[in-house]
Amino acid sequence: MAQKSPFLISGGGIGGLAAALVLAQDGHPVTVLEQAPSFGEIGAGIQLGPNIFRMFDYLGLTEAVNRVAFFPPGLGMNDVRTGEKVVRVALGDIARATYGFPYGVIYRADLHQVFLHACQAQANVTLRTDARVESFTQTDDTVSVQLAGGETLQAAALIGADGMWSRIRETIVGDGKPRVSGHIAYRAVLKREEVPAHLWSDDVTLWGGEKTHLVHYPLRRGELFNLVAVFHSNKYDEGWNTFGDTTELNERFALACPQVRELLGKIETWKMWVLCDREPVKNWTDRRVTLLGDAAHPMLQYLAQGAGQAIEDAVVLREALRFTRDNVTLAFQKYQQARYLRTGRVQLTARFYGDIYHAAGVQRELRNQMFQSGTESAGFAGLKWMYDGIEPSKLFQ
């Protein structure tokens, strides 16, 4: 068998490791370049729609994910001020029957570990830390990557999975800084014993209101309780690991119903991040260099699809390479052609759902009517196109 083309991947997050795994499974030598001193994920819980579990099945990771995931029985929305139920959608067996796969939630670090361990089990994956990509050049046959310490690496291709503030995107797309949404998120995780029984729920529950919302759900088989509070703010601080101001948080939720205020009061320390995205673009590839995940299509978190779309990217990229018989430049073009409309739709729909969750007045009444009808395109039923996911075997026929 001919030697497979070697790949370099900038970024060792979920998307970068997913790409490394699929390439390695097909025999490609892969080097993952992570700029941090160690491989790890910052953040708390993330939701995993059926489309993502479809990818786990394809990758052979279902059992590993199931060991650390939690499968909520329902997905619901309440009014943050009045406490009234807006809508609840049953998950569990119903989600499996509808989409063929479940709806789950997971600790981000646990999901990252699943991919990290899978990559470590591949002999042709090299994992490097303290390896910051500064720039790249390319010829017709190779890509040369310059690291911050002066080292130069060569490969057949480079994948930029280096996140929202991607340096590789700067060269390919050149669209400047991310778009600041004006929304800020505070996140925290409680142990189960720290949550009063009357406030615990196995559902994924969102309390939505004017310019604010709180979402919570269990993690790690019900051992932990994840909380994310979002509100409109003018603050801007790059990154995911800044300590939040509880005074501002409490001010924003001062008119919330007692259940929400009690939950917020259980948290002594919050981590915060400013929610950003970018405008969808049609091209994120330059010959032997392409982007993946947040580097290609960063999105707001309102559809809980950031990690999932990065994993889908990796699967589509593999199928494109298979279809083109490892013609890298052609495969990268086919990959982005197959992805940009779907990921762009998720980006724009996530913005819309941010407005829906934070609605007031007539917009709030319309939201409630649409969600409760179960048939309107703006309700949960309108996301079937997303949760149905992709069928890898039918991508390039």
Protein backbone atom coordinates (compact mmCIF):
# COMPACT_ATOMS: atom_id res chain seq x y z
CA MET A 1 0.00 0.00 0.00
CA ALA A 2 1.32 3.44 -0.93
CA GLN A 3 2.32 5.79 1.87
CA LYS A 4 -0.57 8.05 2.84
CA SER A 5 -0.09 11.83 2.77
CA PRO A 6 0.95 13.34 6.13
CA PHE A 7 -1.21 16.06 7.70
CA LEU A 8 -0.57 18.83 10.19
CA ILE A 9 -3.45 20.04 12.39
CA SER A 10 -3.26 23.32 14.26
CA GLY A 11 -5.35 23.04 17.40
CA GLY A 12 -5.93 20.17 19.80
CA GLY A 13 -9.52 20.84 20.79
CA ILE A 14 -12.46 18.59 19.99
CA GLY A 15 -12.49 19.51 16.30
CA GLY A 16 -8.75 19.11 15.83
CA LEU A 17 -8.69 15.73 17.56
CA ALA A 18 -11.74 14.55 15.60
CA ALA A 19 -9.91 15.41 12.38
CA ALA A 20 -6.76 13.66 13.60
CA LEU A 21 -8.76 10.54 14.45
CA VAL A 22 -10.52 10.18 11.10
CA LEU A 23 -7.32 10.82 9.14
CA ALA A 24 -5.35 8.35 11.24
CA GLN A 25 -8.07 5.72 10.87
CA ASP A 26 -7.53 5.98 7.11
CA GLY A 27 -3.78 5.55 7.46
CA HIS A 28 -2.55 9.15 7.27
CA PRO A 29 0.32 10.21 9.52
CA VAL A 30 -1.01 13.15 11.55
CA THR A 31 0.70 15.66 13.82
CA VAL A 32 -1.53 17.74 16.09
CA LEU A 33 0.00 21.05 17.16
CA GLU A 34 -1.51 22.40 20.39
CA GLN A 35 -0.25 25.78 21.57
CA ALA A 36 -1.11 25.16 25.25
CA PRO A 37 1.23 23.27 27.60
CA SER A 38 -1.17 20.32 27.72
CA PHE A 39 -4.18 18.90 25.93
CA GLY A 40 -7.41 19.82 27.67
CA GLU A 41 -10.72 21.65 27.37
CA ILE A 42 -11.96 24.69 29.25
CA GLY A 43 -15.70 24.90 29.75
CA ALA A 44 -18.54 23.09 31.39
CA GLY A 45 -21.37 21.10 29.85
CA ILE A 46 -22.42 20.84 26.23
CA GLN A 47 -25.50 19.38 24.64
CA LEU A 48 -25.23 16.67 22.00
CA GLY A 49 -28.01 16.43 19.45
CA PRO A 50 -28.89 13.23 17.56
CA ASN A 51 -26.84 14.43 14.59
CA ILE A 52 -23.72 14.27 16.78
CA PHE A 53 -24.50 10.79 18.11
CA ARG A 54 -24.81 9.70 14.48
CA MET A 55 -21.18 10.80 14.07
CA PHE A 56 -20.10 8.94 17.22
CA ASP A 57 -21.62 5.79 15.75
CA TYR A 58 -19.75 6.34 12.50
CA LEU A 59 -16.47 6.89 14.38
CA GLY A 60 -16.87 3.92 16.70
CA LEU A 61 -17.03 6.13 19.79
CA THR A 62 -20.59 5.49 20.96
CA GLU A 63 -19.66 3.21 23.85
CA ALA A 64 -16.95 5.58 25.13
CA VAL A 65 -19.28 8.58 24.97
CA ASN A 66 -22.18 6.73 26.60
CA ARG A 67 -20.01 5.93 29.62
CA VAL A 68 -19.69 9.62 30.51
CA ALA A 69 -22.81 11.19 28.98
CA PHE A 70 -26.21 11.85 30.54
CA PHE A 71 -29.44 11.31 28.62
CA PRO A 72 -32.14 13.77 29.75
CA PRO A 73 -35.77 12.70 29.47
CA GLY A 74 -36.89 16.08 28.15
CA LEU A 75 -35.95 19.47 26.74
CA GLY A 76 -37.99 22.34 28.14
CA MET A 77 -38.38 26.09 28.26
CA ASN A 78 -39.90 28.17 31.06
CA ASP A 79 -40.47 31.91 31.44
CA VAL A 80 -37.64 33.32 33.57
CA ARG A 81 -39.89 35.88 35.29
CA THR A 82 -43.20 34.11 35.79
CA GLY A 83 -41.89 30.54 35.99
CA GLU A 84 -44.65 29.35 33.64
CA LYS A 85 -43.88 26.47 31.26
CA VAL A 86 -43.56 27.54 27.65
CA VAL A 87 -42.93 24.13 26.11
CA ARG A 88 -41.43 20.72 26.89
CA VAL A 89 -40.29 18.21 24.28
CA ALA A 90 -39.88 14.58 25.34
CA LEU A 91 -36.49 13.07 24.48
CA GLY A 92 -35.30 9.57 25.46
CA ASP A 93 -36.96 6.86 23.39
CA ILE A 94 -38.90 9.47 21.39
CA ALA A 95 -35.70 11.14 20.17
CA ARG A 96 -34.25 7.75 19.25
CA ALA A 97 -37.42 6.80 17.38
CA THR A 98 -37.54 10.13 15.53
CA TYR A 99 -33.88 10.50 14.58
CA GLY A 100 -32.41 7.06 15.12
CA PHE A 101 -30.07 8.45 17.76
CA PRO A 102 -30.44 9.99 21.26
CA TYR A 103 -30.13 13.49 22.65
CA GLY A 104 -27.53 13.75 25.41
CA VAL A 105 -25.43 16.12 27.48
CA ILE A 106 -21.78 15.77 28.46
CA TYR A 107 -18.99 17.53 30.30
CA ARG A 108 -16.87 19.20 27.60
CA ALA A 109 -13.67 17.90 29.20
CA ASP A 110 -15.07 14.35 29.15
CA LEU A 111 -15.85 14.54 25.43
CA HIS A 112 -12.39 15.92 24.76
CA GLN A 113 -10.90 13.00 26.69
CA VAL A 114 -12.82 10.52 24.54
CA PHE A 115 -11.23 11.96 21.41
CA LEU A 116 -7.82 12.33 23.04
CA HIS A 117 -7.74 8.69 24.15
CA ALA A 118 -8.90 7.57 20.70
CA CYS A 119 -6.06 9.54 19.08
CA GLN A 120 -3.52 8.20 21.57
CA ALA A 121 -4.52 4.69 20.53
CA GLN A 122 -3.54 5.48 16.93
CA ALA A 123 0.14 4.79 16.24
CA ASN A 124 0.23 7.33 13.41
CA VAL A 125 -0.94 10.32 15.51
CA THR A 126 1.70 12.57 17.06
CA LEU A 127 0.42 14.92 19.74
CA ARG A 128 2.57 17.98 20.42
CA THR A 129 2.07 20.69 23.04
CA ASP A 130 3.66 24.16 23.32
CA ALA A 131 3.48 24.23 19.52
CA ARG A 132 1.99 27.52 18.38
CA VAL A 133 1.59 27.94 14.61
CA GLU A 134 2.78 31.40 13.56
CA SER A 135 2.49 31.17 9.78
CA PHE A 136 2.56 28.84 6.80
CA THR A 137 3.71 28.72 3.20
CA GLN A 138 2.88 26.21 0.52
CA THR A 139 3.96 24.88 -2.85
CA ASP A 140 2.10 22.68 -5.31
CA ASP A 141 3.06 19.63 -3.25
CA THR A 142 3.68 20.62 0.37
CA VAL A 143 2.81 22.98 3.21
CA SER A 144 5.49 24.39 5.50
CA VAL A 145 4.44 25.52 8.96
CA GLN A 146 6.48 27.90 11.08
CA LEU A 147 6.14 27.46 14.85
CA ALA A 148 6.61 30.19 17.42
CA GLY A 149 9.98 28.78 18.54
CA GLY A 150 11.39 28.94 15.03
CA GLU A 151 10.90 25.29 14.06
CA THR A 152 9.58 24.49 10.58
CA LEU A 153 7.44 21.44 9.82
CA GLN A 154 6.36 20.08 6.45
CA ALA A 155 3.40 17.99 5.37
CA ALA A 156 1.06 17.42 2.47
CA ALA A 157 -1.66 19.56 4.04
CA LEU A 158 -2.58 21.78 6.98
CA ILE A 159 -5.92 21.90 8.79
CA GLY A 160 -6.63 24.98 10.87
CA ALA A 161 -8.70 23.86 13.86
CA ASP A 162 -7.40 26.72 15.95
CA GLY A 163 -10.72 28.17 17.05
CA MET A 164 -12.55 31.47 17.01
CA TRP A 165 -9.39 33.58 16.86
CA SER A 166 -7.70 31.38 14.27
CA ARG A 167 -4.36 32.67 12.96
CA ILE A 168 -4.75 30.48 9.90
CA ARG A 169 -8.11 32.05 9.13
CA GLU A 170 -6.43 35.47 9.16
CA THR A 171 -4.37 34.38 6.16
CA ILE A 172 -7.12 32.57 4.25
CA VAL A 173 -10.23 34.67 4.96
CA GLY A 174 -8.82 37.85 6.50
CA ASP A 175 -12.08 39.05 8.05
CA GLY A 176 -10.61 40.56 11.21
CA LYS A 177 -11.85 40.01 14.73
CA PRO A 178 -14.96 37.97 15.57
CA ARG A 179 -18.36 39.62 15.72
CA VAL A 180 -19.27 40.46 19.32
CA SER A 181 -22.91 39.58 19.95
CA GLY A 182 -23.44 41.79 23.00
CA HIS A 183 -24.32 38.68 25.03
CA ILE A 184 -22.22 37.43 27.92
CA ALA A 185 -22.36 33.97 29.49
CA TYR A 186 -21.54 32.85 33.03
CA ARG A 187 -21.04 29.15 33.64
CA ALA A 188 -20.68 27.02 36.75
CA VAL A 189 -20.96 23.39 37.83
CA LEU A 190 -22.41 22.17 41.14
CA LYS A 191 -22.16 18.78 42.78
CA ARG A 192 -25.48 16.99 43.03
CA GLU A 193 -25.58 17.33 46.84
CA GLU A 194 -25.25 21.12 46.47
CA VAL A 195 -28.54 21.36 44.56
CA PRO A 196 -31.75 21.33 46.66
CA ALA A 197 -34.11 18.55 45.64
CA HIS A 198 -36.86 20.95 44.61
CA LEU A 199 -34.51 22.66 42.15
CA TRP A 200 -33.04 19.52 40.58
CA SER A 201 -34.30 18.44 37.17
CA ASP A 202 -33.11 15.69 34.85
CA ASP A 203 -34.36 17.74 31.88
CA VAL A 204 -32.37 20.22 29.89
CA THR A 205 -34.23 23.30 31.10
CA LEU A 206 -34.00 26.83 29.73
CA TRP A 207 -35.52 29.79 31.58
CA GLY A 208 -35.93 32.49 28.92
CA GLY A 209 -36.76 36.16 29.36
CA GLU A 210 -36.07 39.69 28.26
CA LYS A 211 -32.34 39.88 27.45
CA THR A 212 -31.57 37.01 29.87
CA HIS A 213 -31.78 33.25 30.16
CA LEU A 214 -30.57 30.44 32.40
CA VAL A 215 -30.06 26.87 31.22
CA HIS A 216 -29.28 23.87 33.42
CA TYR A 217 -28.96 20.10 33.17
CA PRO A 218 -27.15 17.18 34.87
CA LEU A 219 -23.68 15.97 33.87
CA ARG A 220 -21.61 12.81 34.42
CA ARG A 221 -24.50 10.40 34.84
CA GLY A 222 -26.21 12.85 37.22
CA GLU A 223 -23.24 13.46 39.53
CA LEU A 224 -22.99 17.16 38.59
CA PHE A 225 -25.34 20.01 37.69
CA ASN A 226 -24.38 22.42 34.90
CA LEU A 227 -25.62 26.01 34.89
CA VAL A 228 -25.14 28.68 32.23
CA ALA A 229 -26.59 32.18 32.70
CA VAL A 230 -26.65 34.52 29.70
CA PHE A 231 -27.48 38.21 29.56
CA HIS A 232 -26.87 41.24 27.37
CA SER A 233 -23.73 43.18 28.26
CA ASN A 234 -21.19 45.56 26.73
CA LYS A 235 -18.24 43.74 28.29
CA TYR A 236 -15.63 42.19 26.04
CA ASP A 237 -12.88 39.84 27.17
CA GLU A 238 -11.33 37.31 24.80
CA GLY A 239 -11.21 33.74 25.98
CA TRP A 240 -13.25 31.30 28.03
CA ASN A 241 -11.72 31.37 31.46
CA THR A 242 -12.32 34.79 33.04
CA PHE A 243 -13.96 35.14 36.45
CA GLY A 244 -17.35 36.81 36.32
CA ASP A 245 -18.86 39.67 38.32
CA THR A 246 -21.65 38.22 40.46
CA THR A 247 -22.97 41.72 41.20
CA GLU A 248 -23.77 42.29 37.53
CA LEU A 249 -25.19 38.78 37.22
CA ASN A 250 -27.57 39.32 40.12
CA GLU A 251 -28.63 42.71 38.79
CA ARG A 252 -29.55 41.22 35.42
CA PHE A 253 -31.64 38.48 37.05
CA ALA A 254 -33.17 40.66 39.78
CA LEU A 255 -36.69 40.19 38.39
CA ALA A 256 -36.35 36.45 37.80
CA CYS A 257 -38.72 33.99 39.48
CA PRO A 258 -37.72 32.55 42.89
CA GLN A 259 -36.49 29.22 41.49
CA VAL A 260 -34.02 30.92 39.18
CA ARG A 261 -32.74 33.34 41.82
CA GLU A 262 -32.29 30.47 44.28
CA LEU A 263 -30.27 28.49 41.76
CA LEU A 264 -28.06 31.47 40.96
CA GLY A 265 -27.53 32.02 44.68
CA LYS A 266 -25.98 28.57 45.03
CA ILE A 267 -22.97 29.64 42.95
CA GLU A 268 -20.09 31.44 44.64
CA THR A 269 -17.69 31.55 41.69
CA TRP A 270 -18.62 31.93 38.03
CA LYS A 271 -16.47 31.75 34.91
CA MET A 272 -17.57 34.02 32.08
CA TRP A 273 -17.07 34.41 28.37
CA VAL A 274 -18.28 36.89 25.77
CA LEU A 275 -20.35 35.27 23.03
CA CYS A 276 -18.98 35.88 19.54
CA ASP A 277 -19.42 34.49 16.05
CA ARG A 278 -18.59 35.46 12.47
CA GLU A 279 -20.46 35.99 9.25
CA PRO A 280 -20.78 32.76 7.26
CA VAL A 281 -18.30 32.50 4.39
CA LYS A 282 -18.31 30.32 1.29
CA ASN A 283 -14.55 29.79 1.09
CA TRP A 284 -12.25 28.78 3.95
CA THR A 285 -9.68 26.88 1.87
CA ASP A 286 -6.46 27.84 0.12
CA ARG A 287 -5.15 24.90 -1.92
CA ARG A 288 -3.54 22.58 0.67
CA VAL A 289 -4.79 24.48 3.70
CA THR A 290 -8.33 24.41 5.05
CA LEU A 291 -10.23 25.33 8.21
CA LEU A 292 -12.43 23.24 10.49
CA GLY A 293 -14.84 23.91 13.35
CA ASP A 294 -14.84 27.35 14.96
CA ALA A 295 -11.97 28.45 12.73
CA ALA A 296 -14.25 27.94 9.71
CA HIS A 297 -17.72 28.75 11.05
CA PRO A 298 -17.84 30.00 14.67
CA MET A 299 -21.39 30.16 15.99
CA LEU A 300 -23.28 31.34 19.03
CA GLN A 301 -24.15 28.62 21.52
CA TYR A 302 -27.95 28.89 21.28
CA LEU A 303 -28.33 25.70 19.24
CA ALA A 304 -25.58 23.81 21.12
CA GLN A 305 -23.94 22.80 17.85
CA GLY A 306 -20.40 24.20 17.89
CA ALA A 307 -18.61 20.97 18.82
CA GLY A 308 -21.07 18.89 16.83
CA GLN A 309 -20.51 20.79 13.61
CA ALA A 310 -16.74 20.46 14.06
CA ILE A 311 -17.12 16.69 14.38
CA GLU A 312 -19.33 16.63 11.29
CA ASP A 313 -16.61 18.63 9.49
CA ALA A 314 -14.05 15.97 10.29
CA VAL A 315 -16.26 13.19 8.96
CA VAL A 316 -17.04 15.06 5.73
CA LEU A 317 -13.35 15.84 5.26
CA ARG A 318 -12.50 12.15 5.48
CA GLU A 319 -15.22 11.24 2.98
CA ALA A 320 -13.95 13.92 0.58
CA LEU A 321 -10.42 12.52 0.77
CA ARG A 322 -11.72 9.03 0.14
CA PHE A 323 -13.80 10.17 -2.82
CA THR A 324 -10.87 12.02 -4.42
CA ARG A 325 -8.40 9.24 -3.60
CA ASP A 326 -6.41 11.59 -1.36
CA ASN A 327 -6.18 14.43 -3.86
CA VAL A 328 -5.82 17.01 -1.10
CA THR A 329 -6.59 20.20 -3.02
CA LEU A 330 -9.66 18.70 -4.68
CA ALA A 331 -10.81 17.07 -1.44
CA PHE A 332 -10.58 20.33 0.48
CA GLN A 333 -12.73 22.05 -2.14
CA LYS A 334 -15.34 19.30 -2.05
CA TYR A 335 -15.30 19.32 1.75
CA GLN A 336 -16.09 23.01 2.05
CA GLN A 337 -18.64 22.83 -0.77
CA ALA A 338 -20.47 20.13 1.16
CA ARG A 339 -20.32 22.07 4.43
CA TYR A 340 -20.67 25.83 4.00
CA LEU A 341 -24.44 26.02 3.53
CA ARG A 342 -25.24 23.68 6.42
CA THR A 343 -22.83 25.36 8.82
CA GLY A 344 -23.92 28.79 7.64
CA ARG A 345 -27.54 27.88 8.33
CA VAL A 346 -26.61 26.77 11.85
CA GLN A 347 -24.68 30.03 12.42
CA LEU A 348 -27.59 32.22 11.36
CA THR A 349 -30.25 30.12 13.06
CA ALA A 350 -28.30 30.25 16.32
CA ARG A 351 -28.42 34.06 16.19
CA PHE A 352 -32.17 33.91 15.65
CA TYR A 353 -32.69 31.58 18.59
CA GLY A 354 -30.72 33.97 20.79
CA ASP A 355 -33.35 36.60 20.00
CA ILE A 356 -36.14 34.08 20.55
CA TYR A 357 -34.87 33.02 23.98
CA HIS A 358 -34.47 36.65 25.09
CA ALA A 359 -37.79 37.88 23.72
CA ALA A 360 -40.13 40.39 25.39
CA GLY A 361 -43.55 41.85 24.63
CA VAL A 362 -45.22 40.76 21.41
CA GLN A 363 -42.13 38.83 20.36
CA ARG A 364 -42.40 36.79 23.55
CA GLU A 365 -46.06 35.98 22.88
CA LEU A 366 -45.26 34.94 19.30
CA ARG A 367 -42.40 32.78 20.53
CA ASN A 368 -44.62 30.99 23.02
CA GLN A 369 -47.28 30.42 20.38
CA MET A 370 -44.79 29.00 17.89
CA PHE A 371 -43.04 26.76 20.37
CA GLN A 372 -46.27 25.45 21.80
CA SER A 373 -47.76 24.66 18.39
CA GLY A 374 -45.00 22.16 17.63
CA THR A 375 -45.35 22.83 13.91
CA GLU A 376 -43.88 26.28 13.30
CA SER A 377 -40.43 26.63 11.76
CA ALA A 378 -39.23 28.66 14.74
CA GLY A 379 -40.09 25.99 17.29
CA PHE A 380 -38.11 22.91 18.26
CA ALA A 381 -39.88 21.04 15.46
CA GLY A 382 -38.21 23.41 13.02
CA LEU A 383 -34.77 22.00 13.85
CA LYS A 384 -35.37 18.60 12.30
CA TRP A 385 -33.12 19.54 9.38
CA MET A 386 -30.28 19.94 11.88
CA TYR A 387 -30.92 16.92 14.09
CA ASP A 388 -31.41 14.58 11.11
CA GLY A 389 -27.72 15.15 10.51
CA ILE A 390 -25.63 13.94 7.59
CA GLU A 391 -25.25 10.49 6.06
CA PRO A 392 -21.53 10.08 5.32
CA SER A 393 -21.95 7.33 2.74
CA LYS A 394 -24.20 9.56 0.60
CA LEU A 395 -22.10 12.72 0.64
CA PHE A 396 -20.16 12.19 -2.58
CA GLN A 397 -21.95 9.93 -5.02
